[in-house]
N, C-alpha and C. Protein backbone atom coordinates (compact mmCIF):
# COMPACT_ATOMS: atom_id res chain seq x y z
N UNK A 1 -129.41 -114.39 -80.69
CA UNK A 1 -129.58 -115.14 -81.93
C UNK A 1 -128.57 -116.28 -81.96
N UNK A 2 -129.06 -117.48 -82.19
CA UNK A 2 -128.18 -118.66 -82.27
C UNK A 2 -127.49 -118.68 -83.62
N UNK A 3 -126.22 -119.07 -83.60
CA UNK A 3 -125.46 -119.22 -84.83
C UNK A 3 -125.47 -120.67 -85.26
N UNK A 4 -125.55 -120.91 -86.56
CA UNK A 4 -125.43 -122.26 -87.09
C UNK A 4 -124.00 -122.40 -87.60
N UNK A 5 -123.40 -123.54 -87.39
CA UNK A 5 -122.02 -123.76 -87.81
C UNK A 5 -121.81 -125.24 -88.12
N UNK A 6 -120.72 -125.51 -88.80
CA UNK A 6 -120.22 -126.88 -88.97
C UNK A 6 -118.71 -126.79 -88.95
N UNK A 7 -118.07 -127.80 -88.52
CA UNK A 7 -116.62 -127.89 -88.56
C UNK A 7 -116.24 -128.51 -89.89
N UNK A 8 -115.31 -127.91 -90.61
CA UNK A 8 -114.85 -128.43 -91.90
C UNK A 8 -113.41 -128.91 -91.72
N UNK A 9 -113.16 -130.15 -92.14
CA UNK A 9 -111.83 -130.76 -92.00
C UNK A 9 -111.31 -131.08 -93.39
N UNK A 10 -110.12 -130.56 -93.72
CA UNK A 10 -109.47 -130.91 -94.98
C UNK A 10 -109.04 -132.38 -94.91
N UNK A 11 -109.13 -133.06 -96.05
CA UNK A 11 -108.85 -134.49 -96.05
C UNK A 11 -108.24 -134.91 -97.38
N UNK A 12 -107.74 -136.14 -97.41
CA UNK A 12 -107.27 -136.75 -98.65
C UNK A 12 -108.30 -137.73 -99.17
N UNK A 13 -109.12 -138.30 -98.26
CA UNK A 13 -110.16 -139.26 -98.63
C UNK A 13 -111.36 -139.00 -97.73
N UNK A 14 -112.18 -138.04 -98.13
CA UNK A 14 -113.30 -137.58 -97.30
C UNK A 14 -114.22 -138.71 -96.83
N UNK A 15 -114.66 -139.62 -97.70
CA UNK A 15 -115.56 -140.68 -97.23
C UNK A 15 -114.93 -141.57 -96.15
N UNK A 16 -113.66 -141.94 -96.33
CA UNK A 16 -113.00 -142.80 -95.35
C UNK A 16 -112.81 -142.08 -94.02
N UNK A 17 -112.42 -140.81 -94.07
CA UNK A 17 -112.22 -140.06 -92.83
C UNK A 17 -113.56 -139.81 -92.13
N UNK A 18 -114.60 -139.56 -92.91
CA UNK A 18 -115.94 -139.40 -92.32
C UNK A 18 -116.38 -140.70 -91.64
N UNK A 19 -116.09 -141.85 -92.25
CA UNK A 19 -116.43 -143.13 -91.63
C UNK A 19 -115.71 -143.29 -90.30
N UNK A 20 -114.42 -142.94 -90.25
CA UNK A 20 -113.66 -143.04 -89.00
C UNK A 20 -114.31 -142.19 -87.92
N UNK A 21 -114.56 -140.92 -88.23
CA UNK A 21 -115.08 -140.00 -87.21
C UNK A 21 -116.52 -140.34 -86.84
N UNK A 22 -117.33 -140.86 -87.76
CA UNK A 22 -118.68 -141.28 -87.41
C UNK A 22 -118.60 -142.41 -86.37
N UNK A 23 -117.73 -143.38 -86.60
CA UNK A 23 -117.56 -144.47 -85.65
C UNK A 23 -116.96 -143.98 -84.34
N UNK A 24 -115.99 -143.07 -84.41
CA UNK A 24 -115.33 -142.56 -83.20
C UNK A 24 -116.30 -141.80 -82.31
N UNK A 25 -117.18 -141.00 -82.90
CA UNK A 25 -118.05 -140.11 -82.13
C UNK A 25 -119.47 -140.64 -81.95
N UNK A 26 -119.81 -141.74 -82.62
CA UNK A 26 -121.18 -142.22 -82.58
C UNK A 26 -122.10 -141.34 -83.41
N UNK A 27 -121.56 -140.69 -84.45
CA UNK A 27 -122.34 -139.85 -85.36
C UNK A 27 -122.82 -140.70 -86.53
N UNK A 28 -123.67 -140.12 -87.35
CA UNK A 28 -124.18 -140.81 -88.53
C UNK A 28 -123.68 -140.13 -89.79
N UNK A 29 -123.28 -140.92 -90.79
CA UNK A 29 -122.93 -140.31 -92.08
C UNK A 29 -124.18 -139.67 -92.68
N UNK A 30 -124.02 -138.48 -93.24
CA UNK A 30 -125.15 -137.84 -93.91
C UNK A 30 -125.46 -138.58 -95.21
N UNK A 31 -126.73 -138.66 -95.51
CA UNK A 31 -127.16 -139.29 -96.76
C UNK A 31 -127.82 -138.23 -97.63
N UNK A 32 -127.09 -137.78 -98.63
CA UNK A 32 -127.61 -136.76 -99.54
C UNK A 32 -127.99 -137.37 -100.89
N UNK A 33 -128.25 -138.68 -100.89
CA UNK A 33 -128.58 -139.39 -102.12
C UNK A 33 -129.77 -138.76 -102.84
N UNK A 34 -130.84 -138.43 -102.11
CA UNK A 34 -132.03 -137.86 -102.75
C UNK A 34 -131.70 -136.53 -103.44
N UNK A 35 -130.94 -135.68 -102.78
CA UNK A 35 -130.54 -134.40 -103.38
C UNK A 35 -129.69 -134.64 -104.63
N UNK A 36 -128.74 -135.54 -104.53
CA UNK A 36 -127.85 -135.82 -105.66
C UNK A 36 -128.65 -136.38 -106.83
N UNK A 37 -129.56 -137.31 -106.57
CA UNK A 37 -130.39 -137.87 -107.64
C UNK A 37 -131.21 -136.78 -108.32
N UNK A 38 -131.76 -135.88 -107.51
CA UNK A 38 -132.56 -134.79 -108.09
C UNK A 38 -131.68 -133.88 -108.96
N UNK A 39 -130.50 -133.54 -108.48
CA UNK A 39 -129.60 -132.67 -109.25
C UNK A 39 -129.13 -133.35 -110.54
N UNK A 40 -128.89 -134.65 -110.46
CA UNK A 40 -128.51 -135.39 -111.68
C UNK A 40 -129.67 -135.42 -112.68
N UNK A 41 -130.85 -135.73 -112.20
CA UNK A 41 -132.03 -135.82 -113.06
C UNK A 41 -132.33 -134.49 -113.74
N UNK A 42 -132.17 -133.40 -112.99
CA UNK A 42 -132.45 -132.07 -113.52
C UNK A 42 -131.29 -131.51 -114.36
N UNK A 43 -130.17 -132.26 -114.44
CA UNK A 43 -129.04 -131.83 -115.24
C UNK A 43 -128.18 -130.75 -114.61
N UNK A 44 -128.30 -130.55 -113.30
CA UNK A 44 -127.51 -129.51 -112.62
C UNK A 44 -126.09 -129.95 -112.31
N UNK A 45 -125.89 -131.27 -112.22
CA UNK A 45 -124.53 -131.80 -112.01
C UNK A 45 -124.36 -132.99 -112.95
N UNK A 46 -123.11 -133.30 -113.25
CA UNK A 46 -122.78 -134.44 -114.10
C UNK A 46 -122.51 -135.66 -113.23
N UNK A 47 -122.64 -136.83 -113.83
CA UNK A 47 -122.42 -138.09 -113.12
C UNK A 47 -121.02 -138.15 -112.50
N UNK A 48 -120.02 -137.53 -113.14
CA UNK A 48 -118.66 -137.59 -112.59
C UNK A 48 -118.47 -136.70 -111.36
N UNK A 49 -119.51 -135.99 -110.96
CA UNK A 49 -119.45 -135.16 -109.75
C UNK A 49 -119.82 -135.95 -108.50
N UNK A 50 -120.20 -137.23 -108.67
CA UNK A 50 -120.63 -138.04 -107.53
C UNK A 50 -119.90 -139.37 -107.50
N UNK A 51 -119.90 -139.97 -106.32
CA UNK A 51 -119.35 -141.32 -106.14
C UNK A 51 -120.33 -142.13 -105.31
N UNK A 52 -120.14 -143.44 -105.31
CA UNK A 52 -120.89 -144.36 -104.44
C UNK A 52 -119.98 -144.69 -103.27
N UNK A 53 -120.54 -144.65 -102.06
CA UNK A 53 -119.76 -145.03 -100.88
C UNK A 53 -120.73 -145.46 -99.79
N UNK A 54 -120.52 -146.64 -99.26
CA UNK A 54 -121.34 -147.12 -98.16
C UNK A 54 -122.82 -147.20 -98.47
N UNK A 55 -123.15 -147.51 -99.72
CA UNK A 55 -124.54 -147.65 -100.10
C UNK A 55 -125.28 -146.36 -100.35
N UNK A 56 -124.54 -145.26 -100.44
CA UNK A 56 -125.19 -143.98 -100.72
C UNK A 56 -124.34 -143.19 -101.71
N UNK A 57 -124.95 -142.19 -102.32
CA UNK A 57 -124.24 -141.34 -103.26
C UNK A 57 -123.72 -140.11 -102.52
N UNK A 58 -122.48 -139.74 -102.85
CA UNK A 58 -121.84 -138.57 -102.24
C UNK A 58 -121.34 -137.64 -103.33
N UNK A 59 -121.28 -136.37 -103.02
CA UNK A 59 -120.59 -135.45 -103.91
C UNK A 59 -119.10 -135.81 -103.85
N UNK A 60 -118.47 -135.91 -105.01
CA UNK A 60 -117.04 -136.28 -105.07
C UNK A 60 -116.23 -135.33 -104.20
N UNK A 61 -115.41 -135.90 -103.32
CA UNK A 61 -114.52 -135.10 -102.48
C UNK A 61 -115.15 -134.52 -101.23
N UNK A 62 -116.40 -134.87 -100.95
CA UNK A 62 -117.09 -134.35 -99.77
C UNK A 62 -117.82 -135.48 -99.05
N UNK A 63 -117.81 -135.43 -97.74
CA UNK A 63 -118.61 -136.34 -96.93
C UNK A 63 -118.83 -135.67 -95.58
N UNK A 64 -120.02 -135.84 -95.03
CA UNK A 64 -120.34 -135.20 -93.76
C UNK A 64 -120.94 -136.21 -92.80
N UNK A 65 -120.78 -135.90 -91.52
CA UNK A 65 -121.40 -136.70 -90.46
C UNK A 65 -122.16 -135.75 -89.56
N UNK A 66 -123.15 -136.31 -88.84
CA UNK A 66 -123.98 -135.48 -87.97
C UNK A 66 -124.34 -136.25 -86.71
N UNK A 67 -124.67 -135.51 -85.67
CA UNK A 67 -125.11 -136.13 -84.43
C UNK A 67 -126.47 -136.79 -84.69
N UNK A 68 -126.67 -138.02 -84.23
CA UNK A 68 -127.90 -138.74 -84.56
C UNK A 68 -129.17 -138.13 -83.94
N UNK A 69 -129.04 -137.31 -82.90
CA UNK A 69 -130.22 -136.72 -82.26
C UNK A 69 -130.62 -135.38 -82.87
N UNK A 70 -129.81 -134.84 -83.77
CA UNK A 70 -130.09 -133.52 -84.34
C UNK A 70 -130.96 -133.65 -85.59
N UNK A 71 -131.71 -132.61 -85.90
CA UNK A 71 -132.60 -132.66 -87.07
C UNK A 71 -131.83 -132.70 -88.39
N UNK A 72 -132.55 -133.12 -89.43
CA UNK A 72 -132.00 -133.23 -90.77
C UNK A 72 -132.90 -132.47 -91.72
N UNK A 73 -132.31 -131.74 -92.67
CA UNK A 73 -133.08 -131.07 -93.70
C UNK A 73 -133.58 -132.15 -94.66
N UNK A 74 -134.89 -132.36 -94.75
CA UNK A 74 -135.40 -133.45 -95.60
C UNK A 74 -135.12 -133.24 -97.09
N UNK A 75 -134.93 -132.01 -97.51
CA UNK A 75 -134.69 -131.74 -98.93
C UNK A 75 -133.25 -132.05 -99.34
N UNK A 76 -132.30 -131.90 -98.41
CA UNK A 76 -130.89 -132.08 -98.76
C UNK A 76 -130.22 -133.24 -98.06
N UNK A 77 -130.77 -133.70 -96.95
CA UNK A 77 -130.12 -134.75 -96.16
C UNK A 77 -129.04 -134.20 -95.24
N UNK A 78 -128.82 -132.88 -95.24
CA UNK A 78 -127.79 -132.26 -94.41
C UNK A 78 -128.28 -132.12 -92.97
N UNK A 79 -127.39 -132.39 -92.03
CA UNK A 79 -127.70 -132.20 -90.63
C UNK A 79 -127.88 -130.73 -90.30
N UNK A 80 -128.76 -130.46 -89.34
CA UNK A 80 -129.04 -129.08 -88.95
C UNK A 80 -128.55 -128.79 -87.54
N UNK A 81 -127.59 -129.54 -87.08
CA UNK A 81 -127.05 -129.35 -85.75
C UNK A 81 -125.57 -129.63 -85.74
N UNK A 82 -125.15 -130.46 -84.81
CA UNK A 82 -123.72 -130.81 -84.67
C UNK A 82 -123.29 -131.61 -85.89
N UNK A 83 -122.34 -131.05 -86.64
CA UNK A 83 -122.03 -131.58 -87.96
C UNK A 83 -120.55 -131.36 -88.29
N UNK A 84 -119.94 -132.33 -88.95
CA UNK A 84 -118.56 -132.19 -89.43
C UNK A 84 -118.55 -132.55 -90.91
N UNK A 85 -117.97 -131.66 -91.72
CA UNK A 85 -117.85 -131.87 -93.16
C UNK A 85 -116.39 -132.13 -93.48
N UNK A 86 -116.12 -133.17 -94.24
CA UNK A 86 -114.77 -133.50 -94.69
C UNK A 86 -114.69 -133.16 -96.17
N UNK A 87 -113.66 -132.41 -96.54
CA UNK A 87 -113.50 -132.00 -97.94
C UNK A 87 -112.09 -132.31 -98.40
N UNK A 88 -112.00 -132.97 -99.55
CA UNK A 88 -110.69 -133.32 -100.10
C UNK A 88 -109.97 -132.08 -100.60
N UNK A 89 -108.68 -132.04 -100.30
CA UNK A 89 -107.80 -130.98 -100.78
C UNK A 89 -106.60 -131.65 -101.44
N UNK A 90 -105.93 -130.96 -102.35
CA UNK A 90 -104.83 -131.61 -103.08
C UNK A 90 -103.55 -131.79 -102.27
N UNK A 91 -103.32 -130.93 -101.30
CA UNK A 91 -102.06 -131.00 -100.58
C UNK A 91 -102.20 -131.86 -99.32
N UNK A 92 -101.12 -132.56 -98.94
CA UNK A 92 -101.17 -133.38 -97.72
C UNK A 92 -101.04 -132.51 -96.47
N UNK A 93 -101.43 -133.06 -95.35
CA UNK A 93 -101.25 -132.38 -94.07
C UNK A 93 -99.76 -132.32 -93.77
N UNK A 94 -99.26 -131.14 -93.40
CA UNK A 94 -97.82 -131.01 -93.17
C UNK A 94 -97.45 -130.43 -91.81
N UNK A 95 -98.38 -129.77 -91.13
CA UNK A 95 -98.06 -129.16 -89.84
C UNK A 95 -99.16 -129.51 -88.83
N UNK A 96 -98.90 -129.14 -87.58
CA UNK A 96 -99.87 -129.38 -86.51
C UNK A 96 -101.16 -128.63 -86.77
N UNK A 97 -102.28 -129.26 -86.42
CA UNK A 97 -103.59 -128.61 -86.54
C UNK A 97 -103.62 -127.33 -85.71
N UNK A 98 -104.35 -126.33 -86.20
CA UNK A 98 -104.60 -125.12 -85.43
C UNK A 98 -105.91 -125.26 -84.64
N UNK A 99 -106.67 -126.28 -84.93
CA UNK A 99 -107.94 -126.56 -84.28
C UNK A 99 -108.05 -128.07 -84.18
N UNK A 100 -108.54 -128.56 -83.04
CA UNK A 100 -108.69 -130.02 -82.95
C UNK A 100 -109.92 -130.37 -82.12
N UNK A 101 -110.31 -131.62 -82.22
CA UNK A 101 -111.45 -132.15 -81.50
C UNK A 101 -110.95 -132.80 -80.21
N UNK A 102 -111.64 -132.54 -79.10
CA UNK A 102 -111.42 -133.26 -77.85
C UNK A 102 -112.56 -134.26 -77.70
N UNK A 103 -112.21 -135.52 -77.51
CA UNK A 103 -113.20 -136.57 -77.33
C UNK A 103 -113.16 -136.98 -75.86
N UNK A 104 -114.32 -136.89 -75.19
CA UNK A 104 -114.38 -137.20 -73.77
C UNK A 104 -115.00 -138.56 -73.54
N UNK A 105 -114.31 -139.39 -72.78
CA UNK A 105 -114.79 -140.74 -72.45
C UNK A 105 -115.79 -140.67 -71.30
N UNK A 106 -116.53 -141.74 -71.15
CA UNK A 106 -117.36 -141.89 -69.97
C UNK A 106 -116.44 -141.91 -68.75
N UNK A 107 -116.92 -141.47 -67.60
CA UNK A 107 -116.07 -141.46 -66.40
C UNK A 107 -115.41 -142.81 -66.16
N UNK A 108 -114.10 -142.77 -65.93
CA UNK A 108 -113.34 -143.98 -65.64
C UNK A 108 -113.01 -144.85 -66.83
N UNK A 109 -113.35 -144.41 -68.07
CA UNK A 109 -113.14 -145.26 -69.24
C UNK A 109 -112.25 -144.68 -70.34
N UNK A 110 -111.37 -143.73 -70.05
CA UNK A 110 -110.59 -143.16 -71.16
C UNK A 110 -109.66 -144.16 -71.83
N UNK A 111 -109.08 -145.08 -71.08
CA UNK A 111 -108.18 -146.07 -71.70
C UNK A 111 -108.96 -146.98 -72.65
N UNK A 112 -110.18 -147.33 -72.28
CA UNK A 112 -111.02 -148.15 -73.17
C UNK A 112 -111.32 -147.39 -74.46
N UNK A 113 -111.59 -146.09 -74.34
CA UNK A 113 -111.87 -145.28 -75.52
C UNK A 113 -110.63 -145.18 -76.40
N UNK A 114 -109.47 -144.99 -75.80
CA UNK A 114 -108.22 -144.93 -76.58
C UNK A 114 -108.04 -146.23 -77.36
N UNK A 115 -108.25 -147.37 -76.70
CA UNK A 115 -108.10 -148.67 -77.39
C UNK A 115 -109.12 -148.81 -78.52
N UNK A 116 -110.36 -148.38 -78.29
CA UNK A 116 -111.38 -148.47 -79.35
C UNK A 116 -111.00 -147.60 -80.54
N UNK A 117 -110.51 -146.39 -80.27
CA UNK A 117 -110.12 -145.49 -81.37
C UNK A 117 -108.91 -146.05 -82.12
N UNK A 118 -107.99 -146.68 -81.41
CA UNK A 118 -106.86 -147.34 -82.09
C UNK A 118 -107.38 -148.45 -83.01
N UNK A 119 -108.39 -149.19 -82.56
CA UNK A 119 -108.92 -150.28 -83.40
C UNK A 119 -109.60 -149.74 -84.66
N UNK A 120 -110.01 -148.47 -84.62
CA UNK A 120 -110.63 -147.83 -85.79
C UNK A 120 -109.59 -147.22 -86.74
N UNK A 121 -108.33 -147.17 -86.30
CA UNK A 121 -107.28 -146.62 -87.16
C UNK A 121 -106.55 -145.42 -86.61
N UNK A 122 -106.90 -144.96 -85.41
CA UNK A 122 -106.18 -143.83 -84.80
C UNK A 122 -104.88 -144.34 -84.17
N UNK A 123 -103.98 -143.41 -83.88
CA UNK A 123 -102.70 -143.76 -83.26
C UNK A 123 -102.43 -142.80 -82.10
N UNK A 124 -101.90 -143.35 -81.03
CA UNK A 124 -101.51 -142.52 -79.89
C UNK A 124 -100.19 -141.82 -80.21
N UNK A 125 -100.16 -140.51 -80.00
CA UNK A 125 -98.94 -139.74 -80.16
C UNK A 125 -98.20 -139.69 -78.83
N UNK A 126 -98.95 -139.35 -77.76
CA UNK A 126 -98.37 -139.33 -76.43
C UNK A 126 -99.48 -139.28 -75.38
N UNK A 127 -99.13 -139.70 -74.19
CA UNK A 127 -100.02 -139.60 -73.04
C UNK A 127 -99.51 -138.45 -72.19
N UNK A 128 -100.41 -137.60 -71.75
CA UNK A 128 -100.06 -136.43 -70.94
C UNK A 128 -100.71 -136.59 -69.58
N UNK A 129 -99.91 -136.58 -68.52
CA UNK A 129 -100.43 -136.68 -67.16
C UNK A 129 -99.93 -135.48 -66.37
N UNK A 130 -100.84 -134.55 -66.10
CA UNK A 130 -100.48 -133.36 -65.34
C UNK A 130 -101.13 -133.39 -63.96
N UNK A 131 -101.28 -134.59 -63.43
CA UNK A 131 -101.83 -134.74 -62.09
C UNK A 131 -103.23 -134.18 -61.99
N UNK A 132 -103.47 -133.35 -61.01
CA UNK A 132 -104.80 -132.77 -60.80
C UNK A 132 -105.22 -131.84 -61.94
N UNK A 133 -104.27 -131.35 -62.71
CA UNK A 133 -104.59 -130.44 -63.83
C UNK A 133 -105.17 -131.19 -65.02
N UNK A 134 -105.00 -132.51 -65.08
CA UNK A 134 -105.58 -133.25 -66.19
C UNK A 134 -104.73 -134.40 -66.69
N UNK A 135 -105.39 -135.33 -67.34
CA UNK A 135 -104.75 -136.51 -67.92
C UNK A 135 -105.45 -136.77 -69.25
N UNK A 136 -104.68 -136.82 -70.33
CA UNK A 136 -105.27 -137.05 -71.64
C UNK A 136 -104.27 -137.68 -72.58
N UNK A 137 -104.77 -138.13 -73.71
CA UNK A 137 -103.94 -138.70 -74.76
C UNK A 137 -104.06 -137.82 -75.99
N UNK A 138 -102.93 -137.53 -76.60
CA UNK A 138 -102.92 -136.88 -77.91
C UNK A 138 -102.87 -138.01 -78.92
N UNK A 139 -103.80 -137.97 -79.88
CA UNK A 139 -103.89 -139.03 -80.88
C UNK A 139 -103.93 -138.42 -82.27
N UNK A 140 -103.78 -139.28 -83.28
CA UNK A 140 -103.94 -138.87 -84.68
C UNK A 140 -104.97 -139.76 -85.33
N UNK A 141 -105.85 -139.14 -86.15
CA UNK A 141 -106.81 -139.94 -86.91
C UNK A 141 -106.08 -140.59 -88.08
N UNK A 142 -106.74 -141.40 -88.89
CA UNK A 142 -106.05 -142.10 -89.98
C UNK A 142 -105.33 -141.20 -90.99
N UNK A 143 -105.68 -139.90 -91.05
CA UNK A 143 -104.98 -139.00 -91.96
C UNK A 143 -103.97 -138.10 -91.24
N UNK A 144 -103.76 -138.35 -89.95
CA UNK A 144 -102.74 -137.61 -89.22
C UNK A 144 -103.23 -136.37 -88.49
N UNK A 145 -104.53 -136.11 -88.48
CA UNK A 145 -105.08 -134.96 -87.76
C UNK A 145 -105.06 -135.25 -86.26
N UNK A 146 -104.50 -134.32 -85.49
CA UNK A 146 -104.41 -134.49 -84.05
C UNK A 146 -105.77 -134.28 -83.39
N UNK A 147 -106.00 -135.05 -82.32
CA UNK A 147 -107.15 -134.85 -81.45
C UNK A 147 -106.77 -135.37 -80.08
N UNK A 148 -107.55 -135.02 -79.07
CA UNK A 148 -107.25 -135.43 -77.71
C UNK A 148 -108.38 -136.28 -77.14
N UNK A 149 -108.01 -137.20 -76.27
CA UNK A 149 -108.97 -138.06 -75.57
C UNK A 149 -108.73 -137.89 -74.08
N UNK A 150 -109.81 -137.64 -73.37
CA UNK A 150 -109.70 -137.55 -71.90
C UNK A 150 -110.86 -138.26 -71.25
C-alpha cells in the first residue's frame, strides 16, 4: 500500500517561502482559490482567514507548492503527489533543522545551481568536499532553513 505524504515546513512568511522553494525546485504554487471562494460563500470561513498573494487567494499563514507533473485534486487545488506545505508559526527558527531538503543539480552543474539559488535569496553556509565520498554545499533558504546542494 502506497503512503501519501507532504513535507511541512514551519515559516515566518509562508507565501514568500513557498515562492522561494517553488522557484528553487521548479514546483508550482498551489491554487486553492476555488476552495476558498466556496468556503467564504458558504460562510464556513471569514474573510480575515484568507489573504491575496501572487494573484490567488491563500489561507492565512499557509502556502503549498507541488511538483508540476503530479495530479491535483480539482475540488481543493491541493497537489496529490510531491508536495511541500509552509505554515506560519509564532516563534523564529533557533536551532539546526532535524530534517532538510537535498537539491541535486544536473551533472556538472552544481555551481550554477548554487549561484541560481543565491540569486533567489539563499545563502551558502559552507562548501564540503570529501573527495570521492562527495562534494556539496550547505545553504540556507531566506528564513534560515538549511538545505544541501550537490
